[in-house]
Amino acid sequence: MGIVDEILSNHGGQLAAALTKKAGFSAGEAQRFLPLGIGRVVEVVKAGGADVGTLLSGGGAASLLARVDAGSLASASGIEAAKATSGLQALLPLLLSALRDKAGSAEGIAALLGGGSGAGATGAVGNLAGKLFKR
């Protein structure tokens, strides 16, 4: 079982509930949006659009979300762009919490990625995203 499947298996209900309760998604919309939304966040992280330490400490989410193309995400998942943006805002804190649960800390994430102590946090996040969200 890949790490994405593991996270969805362990946290999928909670992630879907956040989309339906906080962002007004139907169950079907949440089901379509979840893997796509996670994938887009991962793409931005892999491209260096986030610092793992900053994200885990509760900062940087707005910057990360601003780099996700909500319009194309909305088109791909069959919803409006505003709903996609709301969905990302609801999803990100829970997704980060799931990653923290898996890795323990920013240092744990770097270790999970196989990065040395000198590895930059942004590079570590990119490597983690690649490992965590393999399809």
Protein backbone atom coordinates (compact mmCIF):
# COMPACT_ATOMS: atom_id res chain seq x y z
CA MET A 1 0.00 0.00 0.00
CA GLY A 2 1.44 3.38 -1.01
CA ILE A 3 1.63 6.26 1.41
CA VAL A 4 -1.16 8.16 -0.39
CA ASP A 5 -3.42 5.16 -0.04
CA GLU A 6 -2.37 4.86 3.59
CA ILE A 7 -3.19 8.51 4.32
CA LEU A 8 -6.48 8.28 2.47
CA SER A 9 -7.27 5.01 4.24
CA ASN A 10 -6.40 6.43 7.66
CA HIS A 11 -7.63 10.00 7.19
CA GLY A 12 -9.91 9.93 4.13
CA GLY A 13 -13.10 10.13 6.15
CA GLN A 14 -11.82 13.10 8.12
CA LEU A 15 -10.57 14.82 4.97
CA ALA A 16 -13.86 14.24 3.14
CA ALA A 17 -15.84 15.46 6.16
CA ALA A 18 -13.82 18.67 6.20
CA LEU A 19 -14.67 19.22 2.54
CA THR A 20 -18.39 18.62 3.08
CA LYS A 21 -18.72 20.54 6.35
CA LYS A 22 -16.31 23.42 5.84
CA ALA A 23 -16.38 23.89 2.07
CA GLY A 24 -19.90 22.81 1.13
CA PHE A 25 -18.91 19.83 -1.03
CA SER A 26 -21.30 16.98 -1.74
CA ALA A 27 -19.95 13.52 -0.95
CA GLY A 28 -19.33 12.88 -4.65
CA GLU A 29 -17.51 16.18 -5.10
CA ALA A 30 -15.33 15.41 -2.08
CA GLN A 31 -14.51 11.97 -3.46
CA ARG A 32 -13.44 13.43 -6.83
CA PHE A 33 -11.62 16.40 -5.32
CA LEU A 34 -9.56 14.68 -2.61
CA PRO A 35 -6.94 12.90 -4.73
CA LEU A 36 -6.77 15.79 -7.18
CA GLY A 37 -6.44 18.44 -4.46
CA ILE A 38 -3.75 16.48 -2.66
CA GLY A 39 -1.95 15.96 -5.96
CA ARG A 40 -1.95 19.67 -6.77
CA VAL A 41 -0.67 20.60 -3.32
CA VAL A 42 2.10 18.04 -3.75
CA GLU A 43 3.03 19.48 -7.16
CA VAL A 44 3.44 22.94 -5.64
CA VAL A 45 5.47 21.58 -2.73
CA LYS A 46 7.70 19.56 -5.07
CA ALA A 47 8.33 22.70 -7.11
CA GLY A 48 9.69 24.42 -3.99
CA GLY A 49 6.55 26.38 -3.20
CA ALA A 50 6.62 25.63 0.54
CA ASP A 51 8.96 25.27 3.50
CA VAL A 52 8.17 22.19 5.60
CA GLY A 53 9.10 23.82 8.90
CA THR A 54 6.95 26.85 8.18
CA LEU A 55 4.00 24.73 7.09
CA LEU A 56 4.21 22.45 10.11
CA SER A 57 4.32 25.45 12.44
CA GLY A 58 1.11 26.77 10.92
CA GLY A 59 2.52 29.34 8.50
CA GLY A 60 2.92 29.51 4.76
CA ALA A 61 -0.44 27.96 3.89
CA ALA A 62 -1.73 31.04 2.10
CA SER A 63 1.41 31.23 -0.03
CA LEU A 64 1.17 27.54 -0.87
CA LEU A 65 -2.52 27.76 -1.75
CA ALA A 66 -1.94 30.83 -3.91
CA ARG A 67 0.38 28.72 -6.08
CA VAL A 68 -2.18 25.99 -6.73
CA ASP A 69 -4.14 26.53 -9.94
CA ALA A 70 -7.62 26.37 -8.43
CA GLY A 71 -9.26 26.95 -11.82
CA SER A 72 -7.77 23.87 -13.46
CA LEU A 73 -8.32 21.87 -10.26
CA ALA A 74 -11.97 22.93 -10.32
CA SER A 75 -12.34 21.94 -13.97
CA ALA A 76 -10.72 18.57 -13.36
CA SER A 77 -12.98 17.81 -10.40
CA GLY A 78 -16.18 19.26 -11.86
CA ILE A 79 -16.73 22.09 -9.36
CA GLU A 80 -16.51 25.89 -9.33
CA ALA A 81 -13.12 27.58 -8.76
CA ALA A 82 -14.31 29.26 -5.54
CA LYS A 83 -15.33 25.86 -4.15
CA ALA A 84 -11.95 24.40 -5.12
CA THR A 85 -10.21 27.22 -3.24
CA SER A 86 -12.42 26.62 -0.19
CA GLY A 87 -11.72 22.92 -0.44
CA LEU A 88 -7.97 23.47 -0.47
CA GLN A 89 -8.25 25.75 2.54
CA ALA A 90 -10.22 23.08 4.43
CA LEU A 91 -7.95 20.24 3.29
CA LEU A 92 -4.49 21.67 3.92
CA PRO A 93 -4.43 21.77 7.76
CA LEU A 94 -5.69 18.19 7.98
CA LEU A 95 -3.29 17.00 5.32
CA LEU A 96 -0.38 18.60 7.16
CA SER A 97 -1.56 17.00 10.38
CA ALA A 98 -1.61 13.59 8.68
CA LEU A 99 1.94 14.15 7.43
CA ARG A 100 3.07 15.24 10.88
CA ASP A 101 1.45 12.11 12.35
CA LYS A 102 3.36 9.99 9.85
CA ALA A 103 6.74 11.69 10.19
CA GLY A 104 6.64 13.27 13.67
CA SER A 105 8.30 16.59 12.83
CA ALA A 106 10.07 18.57 10.12
CA GLU A 107 13.20 16.61 11.01
CA GLY A 108 11.22 13.37 10.84
CA ILE A 109 9.96 14.33 7.43
CA ALA A 110 13.53 14.98 6.29
CA ALA A 111 14.55 11.60 7.70
CA LEU A 112 11.60 9.93 6.00
CA LEU A 113 12.80 11.47 2.78
CA GLY A 114 16.32 10.25 3.31
CA GLY A 115 17.70 13.79 3.39
CA GLY A 116 20.74 14.49 5.51
CA SER A 117 20.78 17.04 8.30
CA GLY A 118 22.08 19.60 5.85
CA ALA A 119 19.20 19.12 3.43
CA GLY A 120 17.06 22.20 3.01
CA ALA A 121 13.50 22.07 4.23
CA THR A 122 12.07 22.95 0.85
CA GLY A 123 14.00 20.15 -0.84
CA ALA A 124 12.94 17.81 1.93
CA VAL A 125 9.29 18.66 1.39
CA GLY A 126 9.63 18.06 -2.32
CA ASN A 127 11.22 14.66 -1.72
CA LEU A 128 8.61 13.80 0.92
CA ALA A 129 5.81 14.77 -1.39
CA GLY A 130 7.24 12.49 -4.03
CA LYS A 131 7.40 9.58 -1.63
CA LEU A 132 4.13 10.25 0.20
CA PHE A 133 1.98 10.89 -2.81
CA LYS A 134 3.21 8.33 -5.33
CA ARG A 135 0.47 6.96 -7.46
